[in-house]
Protein backbone atom coordinates (compact mmCIF):
# COMPACT_ATOMS: atom_id res chain seq x y z
CA UNK A 1 113.96 107.05 91.22
CA UNK A 2 117.63 107.00 92.25
CA UNK A 3 117.50 104.70 95.26
CA UNK A 4 121.28 104.95 95.73
CA UNK A 5 120.89 108.55 96.91
CA UNK A 6 118.51 107.42 99.65
CA UNK A 7 121.16 105.20 101.22
CA UNK A 8 124.08 107.64 101.06
CA UNK A 9 124.81 109.47 104.34
CA UNK A 10 123.64 113.08 104.68
CA UNK A 11 126.39 115.38 105.93
CA UNK A 12 125.79 116.70 109.44
CA UNK A 13 122.60 114.67 109.97
CA UNK A 14 123.90 112.42 112.75
CA UNK A 15 125.47 115.35 114.58
CA UNK A 16 122.24 117.38 114.49
CA UNK A 17 120.17 114.46 115.76
CA UNK A 18 122.70 113.82 118.53
CA UNK A 19 122.17 117.38 119.77
CA UNK A 20 118.39 116.88 119.74
CA UNK A 21 118.83 113.62 121.66
CA UNK A 22 120.91 115.43 124.27
CA UNK A 23 118.17 117.98 124.88
CA UNK A 24 115.49 115.29 124.92
CA UNK A 25 117.39 113.36 127.60
CA UNK A 26 117.54 116.53 129.68
CA UNK A 27 113.72 116.64 129.58
CA UNK A 28 113.51 113.16 131.14
CA UNK A 29 114.96 114.29 134.46
CA UNK A 30 113.41 117.76 134.30
CA UNK A 31 114.93 121.23 134.38
CA UNK A 32 114.25 122.15 138.00
CA UNK A 33 117.55 120.74 139.30
CA UNK A 34 119.56 119.76 136.20
CA UNK A 35 122.39 117.26 136.60
CA UNK A 36 125.71 117.64 134.71
CA UNK A 37 124.59 115.37 131.87
CA UNK A 38 121.46 117.46 131.41
CA UNK A 39 123.51 120.65 131.45
CA UNK A 40 125.67 119.19 128.69
CA UNK A 41 122.57 118.56 126.57
CA UNK A 42 121.40 122.15 127.03
CA UNK A 43 124.83 123.53 126.19
CA UNK A 44 124.95 121.37 123.07
CA UNK A 45 121.69 122.86 121.86
CA UNK A 46 122.99 126.39 122.41
CA UNK A 47 126.20 125.60 120.54
CA UNK A 48 124.28 124.13 117.61
CA UNK A 49 122.45 127.42 116.95
CA UNK A 50 125.35 129.72 117.85
CA UNK A 51 125.62 130.98 114.27
CA UNK A 52 121.93 131.82 113.92
CA UNK A 53 119.64 134.69 114.99
CA UNK A 54 118.60 132.51 117.93
CA UNK A 55 122.12 132.42 119.36
CA UNK A 56 121.93 134.98 122.18
CA UNK A 57 118.46 134.03 123.39
CA UNK A 58 119.21 130.31 123.42
CA UNK A 59 122.58 130.79 125.12
CA UNK A 60 120.86 132.76 127.88
CA UNK A 61 118.07 130.19 128.10
CA UNK A 62 120.53 127.30 128.38
CA UNK A 63 122.43 129.09 131.13
CA UNK A 64 119.24 129.83 133.07
CA UNK A 65 117.99 126.25 132.65
CA UNK A 66 121.34 124.85 133.80
CA UNK A 67 120.99 126.93 136.96
CA UNK A 68 117.44 125.69 137.48
CA UNK A 69 116.06 129.20 136.99
CA UNK A 70 114.48 128.97 133.52
CA UNK A 71 111.35 131.05 133.05
CA UNK A 72 108.70 130.49 130.41
CA UNK A 73 110.49 132.76 127.95
CA UNK A 74 113.67 130.69 128.34
CA UNK A 75 111.85 127.40 127.81
CA UNK A 76 110.21 128.89 124.72
CA UNK A 77 113.65 129.79 123.33
CA UNK A 78 114.87 126.23 123.90
CA UNK A 79 111.78 124.88 122.13
CA UNK A 80 112.44 127.21 119.20
CA UNK A 81 116.06 126.06 118.97
CA UNK A 82 115.06 122.40 118.96
CA UNK A 83 112.46 123.07 116.26
CA UNK A 84 114.98 124.96 114.14
CA UNK A 85 117.49 122.13 114.43
CA UNK A 86 114.96 119.47 113.40
CA UNK A 87 113.85 121.82 110.63
CA UNK A 88 117.38 121.78 109.24
CA UNK A 89 117.30 117.97 109.35
CA UNK A 90 113.98 118.02 107.48
CA UNK A 91 115.39 120.35 104.83
CA UNK A 92 118.49 118.22 104.30
CA UNK A 93 116.42 115.07 103.93
CA UNK A 94 113.98 116.76 101.55
CA UNK A 95 116.87 118.02 99.45
CA UNK A 96 118.06 114.42 99.16
CA UNK A 97 114.53 113.29 98.24
CA UNK A 98 114.41 115.96 95.54
CA UNK A 99 117.68 114.66 94.08
CA UNK A 100 116.45 111.06 94.18
CA UNK A 101 113.05 111.76 92.61
CA UNK A 102 114.05 114.57 90.27
CA UNK A 103 111.04 116.48 91.57
CA UNK A 104 111.00 120.21 90.88
CA UNK A 105 111.26 122.67 93.76
CA UNK A 106 108.38 123.57 96.01
CA UNK A 107 106.46 126.80 95.66
CA UNK A 108 107.10 129.48 98.31
CA UNK A 109 104.82 129.49 101.32
CA UNK A 110 102.26 132.30 101.37
CA UNK A 111 101.98 134.37 104.57
CA UNK A 112 99.38 133.17 107.03
CA UNK A 113 96.00 134.82 107.22
CA UNK A 114 95.58 136.38 110.68
CA UNK A 115 92.54 134.97 112.37
CA UNK A 116 90.62 136.01 115.44
CA UNK A 117 93.14 136.53 118.22
CA UNK A 118 92.68 133.79 120.84
CA UNK A 119 92.32 134.73 124.48
CA UNK A 120 95.86 135.50 125.72
CA UNK A 121 95.06 134.19 129.20
CA UNK A 122 94.35 130.71 127.77
CA UNK A 123 97.63 130.70 125.86
CA UNK A 124 99.41 131.80 129.02
CA UNK A 125 97.70 129.05 131.04
CA UNK A 126 98.79 126.42 128.51
CA UNK A 127 102.34 127.75 128.50
CA UNK A 128 102.47 127.69 132.31
CA UNK A 129 101.38 124.04 132.39
CA UNK A 130 103.98 123.10 129.76
CA UNK A 131 106.65 124.95 131.75
CA UNK A 132 105.71 122.98 134.87
CA UNK A 133 106.06 119.77 132.84
CA UNK A 134 109.54 120.75 131.66
CA UNK A 135 110.68 121.53 135.19
CA UNK A 136 109.34 118.24 136.59
CA UNK A 137 110.50 116.13 133.66
CA UNK A 138 109.02 112.80 132.65
CA UNK A 139 110.41 111.14 135.77
CA UNK A 140 108.60 113.69 137.91
CA UNK A 141 105.18 113.06 136.43
CA UNK A 142 102.24 112.58 138.78
CA UNK A 143 98.49 112.71 138.31
CA UNK A 144 98.15 116.10 139.98
CA UNK A 145 100.60 117.67 137.54
CA UNK A 146 99.09 116.02 134.47
CA UNK A 147 95.51 116.84 135.47
CA UNK A 148 96.42 120.52 135.34
CA UNK A 149 95.86 120.35 131.58
CA UNK A 150 92.17 119.45 131.88
CA UNK A 151 90.73 122.87 132.76
CA UNK A 152 92.93 124.53 130.14
CA UNK A 153 91.74 122.14 127.43
CA UNK A 154 88.10 122.52 128.47
CA UNK A 155 88.35 126.29 128.24
CA UNK A 156 90.08 126.14 124.85
CA UNK A 157 87.85 123.68 123.02
CA UNK A 158 84.98 126.10 122.22
CA UNK A 159 87.45 128.47 120.51
CA UNK A 160 88.15 127.33 116.94
CA UNK A 161 91.35 129.38 116.88
CA UNK A 162 92.66 127.20 119.73
CA UNK A 163 91.34 123.86 118.50
CA UNK A 164 94.72 122.61 117.23
CA UNK A 165 96.51 123.44 120.49
CA UNK A 166 93.70 122.10 122.69
CA UNK A 167 93.61 118.80 120.80
CA UNK A 168 97.37 118.47 121.09
CA UNK A 169 97.34 119.20 124.82
CA UNK A 170 94.47 116.77 125.39
CA UNK A 171 96.20 113.90 123.62
CA UNK A 172 99.57 114.70 125.20
CA UNK A 173 98.07 114.76 128.69
CA UNK A 174 96.38 111.40 128.06
CA UNK A 175 99.72 109.84 127.13
CA UNK A 176 101.41 111.34 130.18
CA UNK A 177 98.63 110.12 132.48
CA UNK A 178 99.10 106.57 131.22
CA UNK A 179 102.71 106.66 132.47
CA UNK A 180 102.04 108.12 135.92
CA UNK A 181 103.79 108.06 138.25
CA UNK A 182 106.89 108.75 136.21
CA UNK A 183 109.22 107.68 139.00
CA UNK A 184 108.18 104.04 138.57
CA UNK A 185 107.69 103.96 134.78
CA UNK A 186 109.75 101.45 132.81
CA UNK A 187 110.61 103.97 130.13
CA UNK A 188 109.37 106.92 128.10
CA UNK A 189 108.90 107.73 124.39
CA UNK A 190 111.59 110.38 124.78
CA UNK A 191 111.67 111.78 121.22
CA UNK A 192 107.89 111.73 120.82
CA UNK A 193 107.14 113.52 124.08
CA UNK A 194 109.81 116.13 123.40
CA UNK A 195 108.24 116.65 119.96
CA UNK A 196 104.78 117.12 121.47
CA UNK A 197 106.04 119.43 124.22
CA UNK A 198 108.03 121.55 121.77
CA UNK A 199 105.19 121.93 119.29
CA UNK A 200 102.68 122.76 122.01
CA UNK A 201 105.06 125.33 123.50
CA UNK A 202 105.42 127.12 120.17
CA UNK A 203 101.67 127.02 119.52
CA UNK A 204 101.13 129.07 122.69
CA UNK A 205 102.62 132.03 120.84
CA UNK A 206 100.02 134.40 119.33
CA UNK A 207 99.86 133.93 115.57
CA UNK A 208 101.52 130.51 115.52
CA UNK A 209 98.26 128.75 114.70
CA UNK A 210 96.91 131.30 112.20
CA UNK A 211 95.23 129.72 109.17
CA UNK A 212 97.51 129.55 106.11
CA UNK A 213 96.72 131.83 103.20
CA UNK A 214 94.78 130.23 100.36
CA UNK A 215 94.28 130.69 96.65
CA UNK A 216 91.55 129.17 94.48
CA UNK A 217 92.24 126.68 91.70
CA UNK A 218 90.28 125.17 88.84
CA UNK A 219 91.25 122.00 87.06
CA UNK A 220 91.40 118.22 87.32
CA UNK A 221 92.28 116.24 90.44
CA UNK A 222 93.92 112.84 89.89
CA UNK A 223 94.03 110.71 93.08
CA UNK A 224 97.08 108.56 93.79
CA UNK A 225 96.13 106.90 97.08
CA UNK A 226 94.86 107.25 100.62
CA UNK A 227 96.88 107.35 103.82
CA UNK A 228 94.61 106.36 106.73
CA UNK A 229 95.47 107.09 110.35
CA UNK A 230 93.35 105.40 112.97
CA UNK A 231 93.28 105.97 116.74
CA UNK A 232 90.99 104.51 119.37
CA UNK A 233 88.95 107.71 119.41
CA UNK A 234 89.63 109.33 116.03
CA UNK A 235 90.30 108.62 112.37
CA UNK A 236 91.94 110.72 109.68
CA UNK A 237 92.17 109.99 105.96
CA UNK A 238 94.53 111.93 103.73
CA UNK A 239 94.17 111.61 99.96
CA UNK A 240 97.38 112.24 98.03
CA UNK A 241 96.71 113.44 94.51
CA UNK A 242 97.96 115.41 91.52
CA UNK A 243 96.24 118.58 90.39
CA UNK A 244 96.29 119.60 86.73
CA UNK A 245 95.37 123.31 86.31
CA UNK A 246 92.73 124.05 83.71
CA UNK A 247 95.04 126.66 82.15
CA UNK A 248 97.62 124.00 81.32
CA UNK A 249 100.08 124.95 84.04
CA UNK A 250 102.51 122.57 85.74
CA UNK A 251 100.83 119.76 87.69
CA UNK A 252 101.36 119.94 91.44
CA UNK A 253 101.11 117.55 94.35
CA UNK A 254 98.17 118.24 96.65
CA UNK A 255 96.36 116.64 99.58
CA UNK A 256 92.79 116.55 100.82
CA UNK A 257 92.06 115.32 104.31
CA UNK A 258 89.09 114.48 106.48
CA UNK A 259 88.96 113.85 110.23
CA UNK A 260 86.22 112.34 112.36
CA UNK A 261 85.93 111.28 116.01
CA UNK A 262 85.02 107.64 116.46
CA UNK A 263 84.10 105.13 119.17
CA UNK A 264 86.70 102.45 119.82
CA UNK A 265 84.17 99.80 118.74
CA UNK A 266 84.34 101.02 115.13
CA UNK A 267 87.36 99.35 113.51
CA UNK A 268 88.54 98.13 110.12
CA UNK A 269 86.47 99.06 107.09
CA UNK A 270 83.81 100.54 109.37
CA UNK A 271 86.02 103.62 109.77
CA UNK A 272 85.20 104.72 106.22
CA UNK A 273 81.55 104.99 107.21
CA UNK A 274 82.47 107.84 109.56
CA UNK A 275 84.69 109.64 107.05
CA UNK A 276 82.81 109.09 103.78
CA UNK A 277 79.96 111.60 104.30
CA UNK A 278 82.42 114.46 104.73
CA UNK A 279 84.58 113.88 101.63
CA UNK A 280 83.13 112.71 98.30
CA UNK A 281 86.70 112.34 97.07
CA UNK A 282 86.90 109.04 98.97
CA UNK A 283 84.28 107.50 96.70
CA UNK A 284 86.15 108.75 93.63
CA UNK A 285 89.33 107.11 94.93
CA UNK A 286 87.75 103.69 95.36
CA UNK A 287 86.03 103.97 91.96
CA UNK A 288 89.22 105.02 90.18
CA UNK A 289 87.87 108.36 88.95
CA UNK A 290 89.18 111.90 88.70
CA UNK A 291 87.41 114.96 90.09
CA UNK A 292 86.82 118.31 88.42
CA UNK A 293 87.43 121.25 90.74
CA UNK A 294 86.11 124.78 90.24
CA UNK A 295 87.39 127.56 92.48
CA UNK A 296 88.61 125.12 95.15
CA UNK A 297 90.65 126.82 97.91
CA UNK A 298 94.18 125.47 98.35
CA UNK A 299 97.06 126.47 100.60
CA UNK A 300 100.60 126.99 99.36
CA UNK A 301 101.49 123.73 101.11
CA UNK A 302 99.13 121.89 98.75
CA UNK A 303 96.29 121.24 101.20
CA UNK A 304 92.88 121.52 99.57
CA UNK A 305 90.31 123.23 101.80
CA UNK A 306 87.63 120.85 100.61
CA UNK A 307 84.25 122.24 99.58
CA UNK A 308 81.81 119.67 98.17
CA UNK A 309 80.03 122.33 96.12
CA UNK A 310 83.23 123.05 94.20
CA UNK A 311 83.93 119.45 93.17
CA UNK A 312 82.24 116.93 90.92
CA UNK A 313 83.17 113.41 89.89
CA UNK A 314 85.04 113.27 86.59
CA UNK A 315 86.23 110.67 84.11
CA UNK A 316 87.92 107.37 85.00
CA UNK A 317 91.54 107.91 86.00
CA UNK A 318 93.91 105.03 86.68
CA UNK A 319 96.25 106.01 89.57
CA UNK A 320 99.06 103.92 88.07
CA UNK A 321 98.76 105.72 84.73
CA UNK A 322 98.81 109.01 86.66
CA UNK A 323 101.89 107.90 88.59
CA UNK A 324 103.73 106.83 85.43
CA UNK A 325 102.90 109.84 83.27
CA UNK A 326 102.10 112.87 85.45
CA UNK A 327 103.93 112.33 88.75
CA UNK A 328 107.48 112.75 87.34
CA UNK A 329 106.59 116.25 86.11
CA UNK A 330 104.79 117.48 89.23
CA UNK A 331 105.85 120.33 91.49
CA UNK A 332 106.57 119.38 95.09
CA UNK A 333 104.60 120.70 98.05
CA UNK A 334 105.96 123.50 100.18
CA UNK A 335 106.26 123.17 103.97
CA UNK A 336 105.47 125.86 106.53
CA UNK A 337 108.28 126.51 109.05
CA UNK A 338 106.49 124.99 112.04
CA UNK A 339 105.91 121.73 110.13
CA UNK A 340 109.55 121.22 109.13
CA UNK A 341 110.16 117.95 110.96
CA UNK A 342 111.51 114.62 109.65
CA UNK A 343 108.47 112.71 110.87
CA UNK A 344 106.23 114.74 108.58
CA UNK A 345 108.04 113.70 105.40
CA UNK A 346 105.57 111.83 103.17
CA UNK A 347 106.48 112.15 99.49
CA UNK A 348 104.43 110.28 96.85
CA UNK A 349 106.65 108.12 94.64
CA UNK A 350 106.18 105.42 92.00
CA UNK A 351 108.38 102.32 91.71
CA UNK A 352 108.43 99.44 89.26
CA UNK A 353 110.97 96.92 88.04
CA UNK A 354 112.11 96.16 91.57
CA UNK A 355 112.73 92.84 93.30
CA UNK A 356 110.93 92.19 96.59
CA UNK A 357 112.74 90.34 99.40
CA UNK A 358 110.96 89.12 102.52
CA UNK A 359 113.14 88.30 105.53
CA UNK A 360 111.15 87.23 108.59
CA UNK A 361 108.82 90.21 109.13
CA UNK A 362 110.95 92.65 107.10
CA UNK A 363 110.28 93.45 103.44
CA UNK A 364 112.60 95.33 101.11
CA UNK A 365 112.49 96.38 97.47
CA UNK A 366 115.76 96.24 95.56
CA UNK A 367 115.71 99.17 93.14
CA UNK A 368 118.64 99.43 90.69
CA UNK A 369 120.75 97.34 93.04
CA UNK A 370 119.91 99.30 96.19
CA UNK A 371 117.57 98.16 98.95
CA UNK A 372 114.70 100.25 100.22
CA UNK A 373 112.84 99.19 103.37
CA UNK A 374 109.08 98.70 102.99
CA UNK A 375 106.90 99.23 106.06
CA UNK A 376 103.89 96.99 105.60
CA UNK A 377 102.89 97.58 109.22
CA UNK A 378 101.62 100.98 108.11
CA UNK A 379 99.06 99.41 105.77
CA UNK A 380 95.60 99.99 107.30
CA UNK A 381 93.31 97.08 108.10
CA UNK A 382 90.47 99.08 106.54
CA UNK A 383 91.36 98.09 102.97
CA UNK A 384 92.15 95.16 100.68
CA UNK A 385 95.89 95.83 100.47
CA UNK A 386 97.92 93.20 102.36
CA UNK A 387 101.64 92.62 103.04
CA UNK A 388 101.41 89.51 100.85
CA UNK A 389 100.11 91.56 97.92
CA UNK A 390 102.96 94.05 98.38
CA UNK A 391 105.55 91.27 98.48
CA UNK A 392 104.17 89.83 95.23
CA UNK A 393 103.84 93.19 93.47
CA UNK A 394 105.47 94.43 90.29
CA UNK A 395 104.71 98.16 90.68
CA UNK A 396 103.97 100.32 93.71
CA UNK A 397 102.63 103.77 94.53
CA UNK A 398 103.78 104.75 97.99
CA UNK A 399 104.89 107.47 100.36
CA UNK A 400 108.60 107.94 100.88
CA UNK A 401 109.18 108.54 104.61
CA UNK A 402 112.11 108.73 106.99
CA UNK A 403 112.52 107.27 110.47
CA UNK A 404 115.23 105.83 112.72
CA UNK A 405 118.03 106.89 110.40
CA UNK A 406 116.71 105.55 107.10
CA UNK A 407 114.24 106.20 104.32
CA UNK A 408 111.44 103.70 103.88
CA UNK A 409 108.39 103.17 101.69
CA UNK A 410 104.79 103.09 102.90
CA UNK A 411 102.71 101.34 100.19
CA UNK A 412 99.46 102.99 99.10
CA UNK A 413 98.71 100.74 96.11
CA UNK A 414 100.38 97.94 94.16
CA UNK A 415 100.05 96.17 90.84
CA UNK A 416 100.34 92.41 91.11
CA UNK A 417 99.66 89.46 88.84
CA UNK A 418 96.81 87.08 89.68
CA UNK A 419 96.09 84.20 87.30
CA UNK A 420 98.14 85.91 84.58
CA UNK A 421 96.13 89.13 84.93
CA UNK A 422 97.47 92.42 86.24
CA UNK A 423 95.47 93.46 89.29
CA UNK A 424 95.66 96.80 91.14
CA UNK A 425 95.12 96.68 94.91
CA UNK A 426 94.69 99.94 96.87
CA UNK A 427 94.88 100.63 100.59
CA UNK A 428 91.89 102.93 100.09
CA UNK A 429 90.01 100.49 97.91
CA UNK A 430 87.11 100.31 100.37
CA UNK A 431 86.92 104.04 101.03
CA UNK A 432 83.76 104.52 98.98
CA UNK A 433 82.12 101.23 99.96
CA UNK A 434 82.80 97.57 99.22
CA UNK A 435 81.22 94.27 98.29
CA UNK A 436 84.20 92.43 99.72
CA UNK A 437 83.01 89.88 102.29
CA UNK A 438 85.28 91.03 105.13
CA UNK A 439 84.84 94.71 104.32
CA UNK A 440 81.05 94.44 104.14
CA UNK A 441 81.00 92.61 107.48
CA UNK A 442 83.02 95.38 109.14
CA UNK A 443 80.73 98.03 107.61
CA UNK A 444 77.67 96.26 108.99
CA UNK A 445 79.20 95.99 112.46
CA UNK A 446 80.09 99.68 112.36
CA UNK A 447 76.53 100.61 111.38
CA UNK A 448 75.16 98.71 114.36
CA UNK A 449 77.73 100.16 116.77
CA UNK A 450 77.11 103.75 115.65
CA UNK A 451 73.33 103.26 115.84
CA UNK A 452 73.57 101.97 119.42
CA UNK A 453 75.84 104.83 120.48
CA UNK A 454 73.57 107.44 118.92
CA UNK A 455 70.56 105.94 120.67
CA UNK A 456 72.39 105.99 124.02
CA UNK A 457 73.56 109.55 123.45
CA UNK A 458 69.97 110.55 122.70
CA UNK A 459 68.85 109.06 125.98
CA UNK A 460 71.50 111.00 127.90
CA UNK A 461 70.48 114.25 126.24
CA UNK A 462 66.83 113.65 127.08
CA UNK A 463 67.47 112.95 130.77
């Protein structure tokens, strides 16, 4: 990998992000009575898309918002402009990643499959609440305003077509409630909340959340590693892998994910206990085996729509051998327009022959004379991989990401030397179960916690 390309500046990147920052600052004070600095942020957004098909609508929306008279359609136009601008940042960064990795271009995105049309009144109710948020701004938050999301979310949850939007609104409202009242808050996660507001606003448009079109594939799946995301009330595991078509076609990068709600008492390795029953692939990852797929649905973005009946455990497959031999020839994943955002960049890469440097809490790999930041804080506690193992490693499979103006590496697995023997350590090493003392202890605690909660839930249902 050409690490030098990851440190070179990307033309226009800083200017585009400055425009986004200007709009995001306008959201802090709200758009009911915009001040001059907020008006400047809105004008900057309109100028940035002046040469695009959005130009006239966004110019009108910025003018209306500056006058404090923005309607829902104007706020939607501003959200679309912000999304388009961050999409251009995403594309520029991904182009640089493609140059650095030598990865072939992504396949085109297939059109979405129209699903059951969600109730338009629920979409309208969500959009109205989001519009009220934008007018009040983060400084104008109060519990009455934030609680307006609750009935909308409750009405949406039974509808599978609205599940993505309802989950987003529920989590967003919980974050906002934790900062109420906004007038006395010490600060706000300005970029994050603007991201959540923008995405939610666009998802209120009919068709925005339609399921992506799928094709079916047959061949061999070679896991690379697991990216685990854990929240107090939910866990999500995403397996990054390579798929080799049975017809001998070009290998392609794919993902398979599983999500499960969880109690906040289940932590560490116990999380796998909640996820494991829903995805047999997790056991294959921890055992270092491939999987044979027959007629497995997959989207153009490379997301496998996992069906246990279409998969069976295959032969042993060393992820590091896969990364060395197959990964350089793989086709990249495509990205749907709504997901074009820098924060979503997560590109599997393989590095070796680097020098690791630890400075206080910061770790970097020097690759061909160029430093690449390594974020060991993203290593989950639910696995045997540790920052110390990464610092002592000689080869690494990781996800190339971008944040705060720089590319960085999130380790998924490393090869290190222990007592003159090469040892592979994986973040998802406990996904299928473990005999490790700490991992087994966490699994036992999780079993007890889940059993108690199920028993209590049973009591509630019987009363």
